[in-house]
Amino acid sequence: MALNWKLVVDSTNAPALADFWAAALQYEVEDPSVLIDQLLAAGHLGEEAVAEHRGRKTFRGYAAIRHPEDPFDPISGIGRGRRLLFQDVPDSKTGKNRLHLDVHSESGGLDALVTRLEALGATRVSEVNKGPAGHWWIMQDPEGNEFCAA
């Protein structure tokens, strides 16, 4: 039986990085505010564990995004499919990622994709031409995490 999974990305500002990746991938930012309200009301969560981002309650230091067509729990907001979780960590990024995302454009739409990603806050690092393997850009998200636009 196949296992469920999520990709976890260390960050310094989880909500902002989730906003970037949600816009880049056209995903939805998860909304845990109903669960947070329930946990606060029951005394299972303290106010210090809660932050507000874009008018919604979130768990301090965490934010997640999910594919808009995948199922999700309406109480917790947690996706049950393609999902990225961003978690704040005290240390900053120090080297090259050993794992990265490849963001694919529509056929012939690489220039438009790269331009859109730059408008969201991404940075072009280098262009790669690999003969029959194609052409793509190595880019960085707003926190410096490498990814490819192909």
N, C-alpha and C. Protein backbone atom coordinates (compact mmCIF):
# COMPACT_ATOMS: atom_id res chain seq x y z
N MET A 1 0.84 -1.18 0.00
CA MET A 1 0.00 0.00 0.00
C MET A 1 0.88 1.24 0.00
N ALA A 2 0.60 2.17 -0.88
CA ALA A 2 1.37 3.41 -0.96
C ALA A 2 1.13 4.26 0.29
N LEU A 3 2.13 5.02 0.68
CA LEU A 3 2.04 5.87 1.87
C LEU A 3 1.75 7.31 1.48
N ASN A 4 1.06 8.02 2.36
CA ASN A 4 0.87 9.46 2.19
C ASN A 4 2.14 10.16 2.65
N TRP A 5 2.40 11.34 2.09
CA TRP A 5 3.60 12.09 2.44
C TRP A 5 3.33 13.57 2.22
N LYS A 6 4.22 14.38 2.76
CA LYS A 6 4.25 15.82 2.47
C LYS A 6 5.71 16.20 2.42
N LEU A 7 6.03 17.23 1.68
CA LEU A 7 7.38 17.75 1.64
C LEU A 7 7.45 18.89 2.65
N VAL A 8 8.42 18.82 3.57
CA VAL A 8 8.59 19.85 4.60
C VAL A 8 9.79 20.71 4.22
N VAL A 9 9.59 22.02 4.24
CA VAL A 9 10.63 22.97 3.86
C VAL A 9 10.94 23.84 5.07
N ASP A 10 12.21 23.84 5.51
CA ASP A 10 12.62 24.73 6.59
C ASP A 10 12.60 26.17 6.07
N SER A 11 12.21 27.09 6.95
CA SER A 11 12.06 28.48 6.53
C SER A 11 12.37 29.42 7.69
N THR A 12 12.41 30.71 7.36
CA THR A 12 12.52 31.73 8.40
C THR A 12 11.23 32.52 8.54
N ASN A 13 10.34 32.40 7.55
CA ASN A 13 9.03 33.06 7.60
C ASN A 13 8.04 32.17 6.87
N ALA A 14 7.55 31.14 7.57
CA ALA A 14 6.70 30.12 6.96
C ALA A 14 5.49 30.70 6.23
N PRO A 15 4.73 31.62 6.82
CA PRO A 15 3.56 32.13 6.10
C PRO A 15 3.92 32.84 4.79
N ALA A 16 4.99 33.63 4.79
CA ALA A 16 5.37 34.34 3.58
C ALA A 16 5.86 33.37 2.50
N LEU A 17 6.61 32.35 2.91
CA LEU A 17 7.09 31.38 1.93
C LEU A 17 5.94 30.54 1.40
N ALA A 18 4.97 30.22 2.25
CA ALA A 18 3.77 29.50 1.80
C ALA A 18 3.00 30.35 0.79
N ASP A 19 2.89 31.64 1.04
CA ASP A 19 2.21 32.53 0.09
C ASP A 19 2.92 32.50 -1.27
N PHE A 20 4.26 32.57 -1.26
CA PHE A 20 5.01 32.54 -2.51
C PHE A 20 4.74 31.24 -3.27
N TRP A 21 4.91 30.11 -2.59
CA TRP A 21 4.77 28.82 -3.27
C TRP A 21 3.32 28.55 -3.68
N ALA A 22 2.35 29.00 -2.90
CA ALA A 22 0.95 28.84 -3.31
C ALA A 22 0.70 29.59 -4.62
N ALA A 23 1.21 30.81 -4.71
CA ALA A 23 1.04 31.58 -5.94
C ALA A 23 1.84 30.95 -7.09
N ALA A 24 3.06 30.50 -6.81
CA ALA A 24 3.90 29.92 -7.86
C ALA A 24 3.29 28.66 -8.45
N LEU A 25 2.74 27.80 -7.58
CA LEU A 25 2.19 26.51 -8.03
C LEU A 25 0.69 26.56 -8.28
N GLN A 26 0.06 27.69 -7.96
CA GLN A 26 -1.39 27.84 -8.03
C GLN A 26 -2.07 26.83 -7.10
N TYR A 27 -1.51 26.71 -5.90
CA TYR A 27 -2.05 25.89 -4.82
C TYR A 27 -2.84 26.79 -3.88
N GLU A 28 -3.42 26.19 -2.86
CA GLU A 28 -4.16 26.94 -1.85
C GLU A 28 -3.42 26.88 -0.52
N VAL A 29 -3.36 28.01 0.17
CA VAL A 29 -2.79 28.04 1.51
C VAL A 29 -3.82 27.39 2.44
N GLU A 30 -3.37 26.44 3.24
CA GLU A 30 -4.30 25.79 4.17
C GLU A 30 -4.75 26.76 5.25
N ASP A 31 -5.98 26.59 5.69
CA ASP A 31 -6.57 27.47 6.70
C ASP A 31 -6.91 26.64 7.94
N PRO A 32 -6.03 26.66 8.97
CA PRO A 32 -6.29 25.88 10.18
C PRO A 32 -7.09 26.65 11.24
N SER A 33 -7.70 27.78 10.88
CA SER A 33 -8.31 28.65 11.88
C SER A 33 -9.46 27.99 12.65
N VAL A 34 -10.26 27.13 12.00
CA VAL A 34 -11.35 26.45 12.71
C VAL A 34 -10.77 25.53 13.79
N LEU A 35 -9.74 24.76 13.44
CA LEU A 35 -9.09 23.87 14.41
C LEU A 35 -8.46 24.69 15.54
N ILE A 36 -7.80 25.76 15.20
CA ILE A 36 -7.16 26.59 16.22
C ILE A 36 -8.19 27.15 17.19
N ASP A 37 -9.32 27.63 16.68
CA ASP A 37 -10.38 28.13 17.55
C ASP A 37 -10.87 27.04 18.50
N GLN A 38 -11.03 25.84 17.99
CA GLN A 38 -11.48 24.72 18.83
C GLN A 38 -10.45 24.40 19.91
N LEU A 39 -9.18 24.35 19.53
CA LEU A 39 -8.12 24.04 20.49
C LEU A 39 -7.97 25.12 21.55
N LEU A 40 -8.10 26.39 21.14
CA LEU A 40 -8.05 27.49 22.11
C LEU A 40 -9.22 27.41 23.08
N ALA A 41 -10.42 27.19 22.56
CA ALA A 41 -11.62 27.14 23.40
C ALA A 41 -11.55 25.99 24.40
N ALA A 42 -10.95 24.88 24.01
CA ALA A 42 -10.85 23.72 24.89
C ALA A 42 -9.66 23.82 25.85
N GLY A 43 -8.83 24.86 25.69
CA GLY A 43 -7.67 25.03 26.55
C GLY A 43 -6.51 24.12 26.18
N HIS A 44 -6.54 23.53 25.00
CA HIS A 44 -5.47 22.62 24.56
C HIS A 44 -4.34 23.35 23.83
N LEU A 45 -4.52 24.64 23.64
CA LEU A 45 -3.53 25.43 22.92
C LEU A 45 -3.49 26.81 23.56
N GLY A 46 -2.29 27.32 23.79
CA GLY A 46 -2.16 28.66 24.35
C GLY A 46 -2.04 29.71 23.25
N GLU A 47 -2.39 30.93 23.58
CA GLU A 47 -2.31 32.04 22.61
C GLU A 47 -0.91 32.23 22.04
N GLU A 48 0.13 31.86 22.83
CA GLU A 48 1.51 32.02 22.35
C GLU A 48 1.82 31.12 21.16
N ALA A 49 1.02 30.09 20.94
CA ALA A 49 1.23 29.16 19.82
C ALA A 49 0.51 29.60 18.55
N VAL A 50 -0.17 30.75 18.63
CA VAL A 50 -1.01 31.20 17.53
C VAL A 50 -0.47 32.52 16.98
N ALA A 51 -0.52 32.66 15.68
CA ALA A 51 -0.19 33.92 15.01
C ALA A 51 -1.32 34.24 14.05
N GLU A 52 -1.29 35.44 13.52
CA GLU A 52 -2.29 35.81 12.51
C GLU A 52 -1.55 36.17 11.23
N HIS A 53 -2.09 35.69 10.12
CA HIS A 53 -1.51 36.01 8.81
C HIS A 53 -2.65 36.21 7.83
N ARG A 54 -2.67 37.37 7.23
CA ARG A 54 -3.71 37.72 6.25
C ARG A 54 -5.12 37.53 6.81
N GLY A 55 -5.27 37.92 8.08
CA GLY A 55 -6.58 37.90 8.71
C GLY A 55 -7.05 36.54 9.22
N ARG A 56 -6.16 35.52 9.17
CA ARG A 56 -6.55 34.19 9.64
C ARG A 56 -5.59 33.73 10.73
N LYS A 57 -6.10 32.96 11.66
CA LYS A 57 -5.25 32.37 12.69
C LYS A 57 -4.45 31.22 12.08
N THR A 58 -3.17 31.17 12.47
CA THR A 58 -2.29 30.09 12.03
C THR A 58 -1.49 29.60 13.24
N PHE A 59 -0.91 28.43 13.09
CA PHE A 59 0.01 27.95 14.10
C PHE A 59 1.32 28.71 13.91
N ARG A 60 1.80 29.33 14.99
CA ARG A 60 3.02 30.13 14.91
C ARG A 60 4.17 29.29 14.36
N GLY A 61 4.81 29.81 13.30
CA GLY A 61 5.98 29.14 12.74
C GLY A 61 5.68 28.07 11.71
N TYR A 62 4.40 27.91 11.36
CA TYR A 62 4.03 26.87 10.38
C TYR A 62 3.03 27.43 9.38
N ALA A 63 3.12 26.92 8.17
CA ALA A 63 2.12 27.21 7.14
C ALA A 63 2.24 26.11 6.09
N ALA A 64 1.12 25.77 5.48
CA ALA A 64 1.13 24.71 4.48
C ALA A 64 0.28 25.11 3.29
N ILE A 65 0.58 24.48 2.17
CA ILE A 65 -0.21 24.67 0.96
C ILE A 65 -0.60 23.31 0.41
N ARG A 66 -1.71 23.29 -0.35
CA ARG A 66 -2.18 22.03 -0.91
C ARG A 66 -2.71 22.26 -2.31
N HIS A 67 -2.72 21.18 -3.08
CA HIS A 67 -3.27 21.22 -4.44
C HIS A 67 -4.77 21.48 -4.32
N PRO A 68 -5.32 22.40 -5.11
CA PRO A 68 -6.74 22.76 -4.95
C PRO A 68 -7.73 21.65 -5.29
N GLU A 69 -7.30 20.64 -6.03
CA GLU A 69 -8.21 19.56 -6.40
C GLU A 69 -8.13 18.36 -5.47
N ASP A 70 -7.16 18.35 -4.55
CA ASP A 70 -6.99 17.22 -3.64
C ASP A 70 -7.92 17.34 -2.44
N PRO A 71 -8.32 16.22 -1.85
CA PRO A 71 -9.19 16.27 -0.67
C PRO A 71 -8.46 16.91 0.52
N PHE A 72 -9.26 17.47 1.44
CA PHE A 72 -8.70 18.06 2.65
C PHE A 72 -9.72 17.94 3.76
N ASP A 73 -9.23 18.01 4.99
CA ASP A 73 -10.09 17.97 6.16
C ASP A 73 -10.66 19.37 6.39
N PRO A 74 -11.99 19.53 6.39
CA PRO A 74 -12.57 20.87 6.53
C PRO A 74 -12.37 21.50 7.92
N ILE A 75 -12.12 20.70 8.93
CA ILE A 75 -11.90 21.24 10.29
C ILE A 75 -10.47 21.75 10.44
N SER A 76 -9.49 20.90 10.10
CA SER A 76 -8.09 21.28 10.28
C SER A 76 -7.54 22.05 9.09
N GLY A 77 -8.17 21.91 7.93
CA GLY A 77 -7.66 22.54 6.72
C GLY A 77 -6.52 21.76 6.08
N ILE A 78 -6.11 20.64 6.70
CA ILE A 78 -4.96 19.88 6.22
C ILE A 78 -5.31 19.08 4.97
N GLY A 79 -4.49 19.26 3.95
CA GLY A 79 -4.67 18.53 2.71
C GLY A 79 -4.31 17.07 2.86
N ARG A 80 -4.97 16.25 2.07
CA ARG A 80 -4.73 14.80 2.09
C ARG A 80 -4.17 14.34 0.75
N GLY A 81 -3.39 15.20 0.14
CA GLY A 81 -2.81 14.88 -1.16
C GLY A 81 -1.50 15.62 -1.33
N ARG A 82 -1.32 16.23 -2.46
CA ARG A 82 -0.09 16.96 -2.77
C ARG A 82 0.00 18.19 -1.85
N ARG A 83 1.05 18.21 -1.01
CA ARG A 83 1.10 19.19 0.07
C ARG A 83 2.54 19.57 0.39
N LEU A 84 2.76 20.86 0.68
CA LEU A 84 4.04 21.36 1.17
C LEU A 84 3.80 22.03 2.51
N LEU A 85 4.64 21.68 3.50
CA LEU A 85 4.56 22.29 4.82
C LEU A 85 5.83 23.10 5.03
N PHE A 86 5.67 24.35 5.45
CA PHE A 86 6.80 25.22 5.74
C PHE A 86 6.87 25.39 7.25
N GLN A 87 8.07 25.19 7.81
CA GLN A 87 8.25 25.32 9.26
C GLN A 87 9.45 26.19 9.54
N ASP A 88 9.25 27.14 10.44
CA ASP A 88 10.34 28.03 10.81
C ASP A 88 11.36 27.29 11.65
N VAL A 89 12.62 27.52 11.34
CA VAL A 89 13.74 26.95 12.09
C VAL A 89 14.68 28.10 12.47
N PRO A 90 15.44 27.95 13.55
CA PRO A 90 16.28 29.06 14.00
C PRO A 90 17.51 29.30 13.13
N ASP A 91 17.99 28.28 12.44
CA ASP A 91 19.19 28.45 11.63
C ASP A 91 18.84 28.81 10.20
N SER A 92 19.72 29.56 9.56
CA SER A 92 19.47 29.97 8.18
C SER A 92 20.03 28.94 7.22
N LYS A 93 19.62 29.04 5.98
CA LYS A 93 20.10 28.16 4.93
C LYS A 93 21.60 28.38 4.74
N THR A 94 22.37 27.29 4.66
CA THR A 94 23.82 27.44 4.57
C THR A 94 24.44 26.84 3.32
N GLY A 95 23.74 26.03 2.58
CA GLY A 95 24.33 25.39 1.41
C GLY A 95 23.29 25.08 0.35
N LYS A 96 23.71 24.33 -0.64
CA LYS A 96 22.83 23.96 -1.74
C LYS A 96 21.80 22.94 -1.25
N ASN A 97 20.57 23.10 -1.73
CA ASN A 97 19.54 22.12 -1.40
C ASN A 97 19.91 20.76 -1.98
N ARG A 98 19.61 19.70 -1.26
CA ARG A 98 19.80 18.34 -1.77
C ARG A 98 18.51 17.82 -2.41
N LEU A 99 17.44 18.55 -2.23
CA LEU A 99 16.14 18.22 -2.78
C LEU A 99 15.54 19.52 -3.27
N HIS A 100 14.93 19.50 -4.45
CA HIS A 100 14.32 20.73 -4.94
C HIS A 100 13.10 20.41 -5.78
N LEU A 101 12.27 21.43 -6.01
CA LEU A 101 11.10 21.30 -6.86
C LEU A 101 11.46 21.69 -8.28
N ASP A 102 10.82 21.04 -9.23
CA ASP A 102 10.85 21.46 -10.63
C ASP A 102 9.45 21.96 -10.95
N VAL A 103 9.35 23.19 -11.41
CA VAL A 103 8.07 23.78 -11.79
C VAL A 103 8.02 23.76 -13.32
N HIS A 104 7.02 23.07 -13.87
CA HIS A 104 6.93 22.89 -15.31
C HIS A 104 5.97 23.88 -15.94
N SER A 105 6.38 24.44 -17.07
CA SER A 105 5.54 25.37 -17.80
C SER A 105 4.69 24.61 -18.81
N GLU A 106 3.71 25.31 -19.33
CA GLU A 106 2.98 24.79 -20.48
C GLU A 106 3.96 24.72 -21.65
N SER A 107 3.67 23.92 -22.64
CA SER A 107 4.53 23.81 -23.80
C SER A 107 4.79 25.19 -24.41
N GLY A 108 6.07 25.54 -24.53
CA GLY A 108 6.45 26.83 -25.11
C GLY A 108 6.28 28.02 -24.17
N GLY A 109 5.94 27.77 -22.90
CA GLY A 109 5.64 28.87 -21.99
C GLY A 109 6.69 29.14 -20.94
N LEU A 110 7.94 28.69 -21.15
CA LEU A 110 8.97 28.85 -20.12
C LEU A 110 9.23 30.33 -19.81
N ASP A 111 9.34 31.17 -20.83
CA ASP A 111 9.61 32.59 -20.57
C ASP A 111 8.52 33.23 -19.73
N ALA A 112 7.26 32.90 -20.03
CA ALA A 112 6.15 33.46 -19.27
C ALA A 112 6.17 32.95 -17.83
N LEU A 113 6.49 31.67 -17.64
CA LEU A 113 6.57 31.11 -16.29
C LEU A 113 7.66 31.81 -15.49
N VAL A 114 8.85 31.94 -16.06
CA VAL A 114 9.97 32.56 -15.35
C VAL A 114 9.64 34.01 -15.00
N THR A 115 9.03 34.73 -15.91
CA THR A 115 8.64 36.12 -15.66
C THR A 115 7.62 36.19 -14.52
N ARG A 116 6.64 35.29 -14.51
CA ARG A 116 5.63 35.26 -13.44
C ARG A 116 6.27 34.94 -12.09
N LEU A 117 7.20 33.96 -12.07
CA LEU A 117 7.87 33.58 -10.82
C LEU A 117 8.73 34.74 -10.30
N GLU A 118 9.38 35.46 -11.18
CA GLU A 118 10.17 36.62 -10.76
C GLU A 118 9.26 37.70 -10.16
N ALA A 119 8.10 37.90 -10.75
CA ALA A 119 7.16 38.90 -10.23
C ALA A 119 6.68 38.53 -8.82
N LEU A 120 6.70 37.23 -8.50
CA LEU A 120 6.29 36.76 -7.18
C LEU A 120 7.43 36.86 -6.16
N GLY A 121 8.67 37.09 -6.64
CA GLY A 121 9.80 37.21 -5.73
C GLY A 121 10.92 36.22 -5.96
N ALA A 122 10.82 35.36 -6.97
CA ALA A 122 11.90 34.43 -7.29
C ALA A 122 13.02 35.16 -8.02
N THR A 123 14.19 34.53 -8.01
CA THR A 123 15.37 35.08 -8.67
C THR A 123 15.96 34.05 -9.64
N ARG A 124 16.30 34.51 -10.85
CA ARG A 124 17.01 33.63 -11.80
C ARG A 124 18.45 33.47 -11.33
N VAL A 125 18.96 32.24 -11.36
CA VAL A 125 20.35 31.99 -10.99
C VAL A 125 21.17 31.68 -12.24
N SER A 126 20.74 30.68 -13.01
CA SER A 126 21.47 30.34 -14.22
C SER A 126 20.57 29.58 -15.19
N GLU A 127 20.89 29.73 -16.45
CA GLU A 127 20.16 29.03 -17.50
C GLU A 127 20.91 27.75 -17.83
N VAL A 128 20.16 26.68 -18.07
CA VAL A 128 20.76 25.39 -18.37
C VAL A 128 20.23 24.91 -19.72
N ASN A 129 21.14 24.55 -20.58
CA ASN A 129 20.79 23.96 -21.87
C ASN A 129 21.42 22.58 -21.92
N LYS A 130 20.60 21.55 -22.00
CA LYS A 130 21.10 20.17 -21.97
C LYS A 130 20.74 19.41 -23.24
N GLY A 131 20.94 20.00 -24.39
CA GLY A 131 20.68 19.30 -25.65
C GLY A 131 19.27 18.74 -25.70
N PRO A 132 19.16 17.42 -25.96
CA PRO A 132 17.82 16.83 -26.07
C PRO A 132 17.04 16.85 -24.75
N ALA A 133 17.74 16.99 -23.63
CA ALA A 133 17.05 17.04 -22.33
C ALA A 133 16.31 18.35 -22.14
N GLY A 134 16.61 19.34 -22.97
CA GLY A 134 15.86 20.58 -22.90
C GLY A 134 16.61 21.74 -22.29
N HIS A 135 15.86 22.73 -21.99
CA HIS A 135 16.37 24.02 -21.50
C HIS A 135 15.54 24.40 -20.30
N TRP A 136 16.17 24.88 -19.24
CA TRP A 136 15.44 25.31 -18.06
C TRP A 136 16.26 26.34 -17.30
N TRP A 137 15.65 26.93 -16.28
CA TRP A 137 16.31 27.91 -15.43
C TRP A 137 16.45 27.35 -14.02
N ILE A 138 17.60 27.54 -13.42
CA ILE A 138 17.75 27.32 -11.98
C ILE A 138 17.38 28.65 -11.34
N MET A 139 16.48 28.59 -10.36
CA MET A 139 15.98 29.80 -9.71
C MET A 139 16.06 29.63 -8.20
N GLN A 140 15.78 30.70 -7.48
CA GLN A 140 15.69 30.67 -6.02
C GLN A 140 14.38 31.30 -5.58
N ASP A 141 13.77 30.71 -4.55
CA ASP A 141 12.57 31.33 -3.98
C ASP A 141 13.01 32.50 -3.10
N PRO A 142 12.09 33.24 -2.48
CA PRO A 142 12.49 34.42 -1.69
C PRO A 142 13.42 34.14 -0.53
N GLU A 143 13.52 32.88 -0.06
CA GLU A 143 14.45 32.55 1.03
C GLU A 143 15.72 31.89 0.52
N GLY A 144 15.91 31.84 -0.79
CA GLY A 144 17.15 31.31 -1.35
C GLY A 144 17.13 29.82 -1.65
N ASN A 145 15.99 29.16 -1.51
CA ASN A 145 15.90 27.73 -1.84
C ASN A 145 15.89 27.56 -3.35
N GLU A 146 16.76 26.69 -3.85
CA GLU A 146 16.84 26.48 -5.29
C GLU A 146 15.66 25.67 -5.79
N PHE A 147 15.23 25.98 -7.01
CA PHE A 147 14.25 25.18 -7.74
C PHE A 147 14.50 25.39 -9.21
N CYS A 148 13.90 24.54 -10.02
CA CYS A 148 14.05 24.66 -11.47
C CYS A 148 12.73 25.05 -12.11
N ALA A 149 12.81 25.90 -13.10
CA ALA A 149 11.66 26.24 -13.94
C ALA A 149 11.97 25.67 -15.32
N ALA A 150 11.12 24.76 -15.77
CA ALA A 150 11.37 24.06 -17.03
C ALA A 150 10.19 24.18 -17.96
